[in-house]
Amino acid sequence: MLDHLDEWLSEAEAAAAAGKTVRTLRLWRSRGVGPPYTRFGRTIKYRKPAFVAHYRQSEIKPHRNRLSVTK
């Protein structure tokens, strides 16, 4: 019945998953950047699917431009 609560990460869990500190997540929130979050009173939670989607959208896919060499 409460399975839907399993899809939320605490602030500490989200920081660990991202390899950041809780302080960094708080700084990002104050700047309006970083993954989306929800406030439950004074508690911050991150929804797992949105958290993962944020990082997937932030991926940088490097590409190499080949220089054409004319002889």
C-alpha atoms as a PDB file:
ATOM      1  CA  MET A   1       0.000   0.000   0.000  1.00  0.00           C
ATOM      2  CA  LEU A   2       2.855   2.408   0.742  1.00  0.00           C
ATOM      3  CA  ASP A   3       5.014   1.209  -2.165  1.00  0.00           C
ATOM      4  CA  HIS A   4       4.781   4.647  -3.774  1.00  0.00           C
ATOM      5  CA  LEU A   5       6.843   6.047  -0.887  1.00  0.00           C
ATOM      6  CA  ASP A   6       9.786   3.918  -2.026  1.00  0.00           C
ATOM      7  CA  GLU A   7      10.285   6.123  -5.062  1.00  0.00           C
ATOM      8  CA  TRP A   8      11.540   9.038  -2.938  1.00  0.00           C
ATOM      9  CA  LEU A   9      15.154   9.719  -1.944  1.00  0.00           C
ATOM     10  CA  SER A  10      16.066  11.605   1.192  1.00  0.00           C
ATOM     11  CA  GLU A  11      18.450  14.514   0.900  1.00  0.00           C
ATOM     12  CA  ALA A  12      21.316  12.325   2.156  1.00  0.00           C
ATOM     13  CA  GLU A  13      20.430   9.456  -0.209  1.00  0.00           C
ATOM     14  CA  ALA A  14      20.248  11.834  -3.176  1.00  0.00           C
ATOM     15  CA  ALA A  15      23.607  13.391  -2.288  1.00  0.00           C
ATOM     16  CA  ALA A  16      25.221   9.954  -2.024  1.00  0.00           C
ATOM     17  CA  ALA A  17      23.676   8.811  -5.321  1.00  0.00           C
ATOM     18  CA  ALA A  18      25.000  11.916  -7.085  1.00  0.00           C
ATOM     19  CA  GLY A  19      28.410  11.691  -5.422  1.00  0.00           C
ATOM     20  CA  LYS A  20      27.898  15.121  -3.867  1.00  0.00           C
ATOM     21  CA  THR A  21      27.428  16.438  -0.358  1.00  0.00           C
ATOM     22  CA  VAL A  22      24.137  17.492   1.195  1.00  0.00           C
ATOM     23  CA  ARG A  23      25.640  20.970   1.372  1.00  0.00           C
ATOM     24  CA  THR A  24      26.107  20.979  -2.420  1.00  0.00           C
ATOM     25  CA  LEU A  25      22.471  19.980  -2.987  1.00  0.00           C
ATOM     26  CA  ARG A  26      21.359  22.783  -0.655  1.00  0.00           C
ATOM     27  CA  LEU A  27      23.533  25.258  -2.551  1.00  0.00           C
ATOM     28  CA  TRP A  28      22.065  24.108  -5.864  1.00  0.00           C
ATOM     29  CA  ARG A  29      18.529  24.549  -4.514  1.00  0.00           C
ATOM     30  CA  SER A  30      19.312  28.072  -3.325  1.00  0.00           C
ATOM     31  CA  ARG A  31      20.620  28.877  -6.826  1.00  0.00           C
ATOM     32  CA  GLY A  32      17.660  27.230  -8.559  1.00  0.00           C
ATOM     33  CA  VAL A  33      19.746  24.544 -10.269  1.00  0.00           C
ATOM     34  CA  GLY A  34      20.138  20.797  -9.870  1.00  0.00           C
ATOM     35  CA  PRO A  35      17.593  18.006  -9.812  1.00  0.00           C
ATOM     36  CA  PRO A  36      13.925  18.723  -9.059  1.00  0.00           C
ATOM     37  CA  TYR A  37      12.834  18.229  -5.455  1.00  0.00           C
ATOM     38  CA  THR A  38       9.760  18.360  -3.265  1.00  0.00           C
ATOM     39  CA  ARG A  39       9.389  19.902   0.141  1.00  0.00           C
ATOM     40  CA  PHE A  40       7.352  18.000   2.734  1.00  0.00           C
ATOM     41  CA  GLY A  41       7.188  20.617   5.465  1.00  0.00           C
ATOM     42  CA  ARG A  42      10.866  21.112   6.318  1.00  0.00           C
ATOM     43  CA  THR A  43      11.936  17.821   4.739  1.00  0.00           C
ATOM     44  CA  ILE A  44      13.384  17.736   1.232  1.00  0.00           C
ATOM     45  CA  LYS A  45      12.779  14.681  -0.945  1.00  0.00           C
ATOM     46  CA  TYR A  46      13.854  13.806  -4.474  1.00  0.00           C
ATOM     47  CA  ARG A  47      11.634  11.588  -6.619  1.00  0.00           C
ATOM     48  CA  LYS A  48      13.863   8.836  -8.039  1.00  0.00           C
ATOM     49  CA  PRO A  49      12.589   8.920 -11.649  1.00  0.00           C
ATOM     50  CA  ALA A  50      12.929  12.724 -11.875  1.00  0.00           C
ATOM     51  CA  PHE A  51      16.346  12.590 -10.195  1.00  0.00           C
ATOM     52  CA  VAL A  52      17.629  10.041 -12.708  1.00  0.00           C
ATOM     53  CA  ALA A  53      16.044  11.924 -15.629  1.00  0.00           C
ATOM     54  CA  HIS A  54      17.790  15.141 -14.571  1.00  0.00           C
ATOM     55  CA  TYR A  55      21.195  13.497 -14.763  1.00  0.00           C
ATOM     56  CA  ARG A  56      20.401  11.745 -18.025  1.00  0.00           C
ATOM     57  CA  GLN A  57      19.406  15.066 -19.585  1.00  0.00           C
ATOM     58  CA  SER A  58      22.621  16.617 -18.281  1.00  0.00           C
ATOM     59  CA  GLU A  59      24.813  14.116 -20.120  1.00  0.00           C
ATOM     60  CA  ILE A  60      27.349  15.556 -22.473  1.00  0.00           C
ATOM     61  CA  LYS A  61      28.023  13.329 -25.415  1.00  0.00           C
ATOM     62  CA  PRO A  62      31.407  14.239 -26.841  1.00  0.00           C
ATOM     63  CA  HIS A  63      31.887  14.099 -30.534  1.00  0.00           C
ATOM     64  CA  ARG A  64      34.988  14.455 -32.564  1.00  0.00           C
ATOM     65  CA  ASN A  65      35.063  16.628 -35.615  1.00  0.00           C
ATOM     66  CA  ARG A  66      37.393  15.231 -38.188  1.00  0.00           C
ATOM     67  CA  LEU A  67      39.345  17.836 -39.963  1.00  0.00           C
ATOM     68  CA  SER A  68      39.431  17.215 -43.649  1.00  0.00           C
ATOM     69  CA  VAL A  69      42.946  17.253 -44.921  1.00  0.00           C
ATOM     70  CA  THR A  70      43.269  18.153 -48.557  1.00  0.00           C
ATOM     71  CA  LYS A  71      46.404  17.328 -50.445  1.00  0.00           C
END
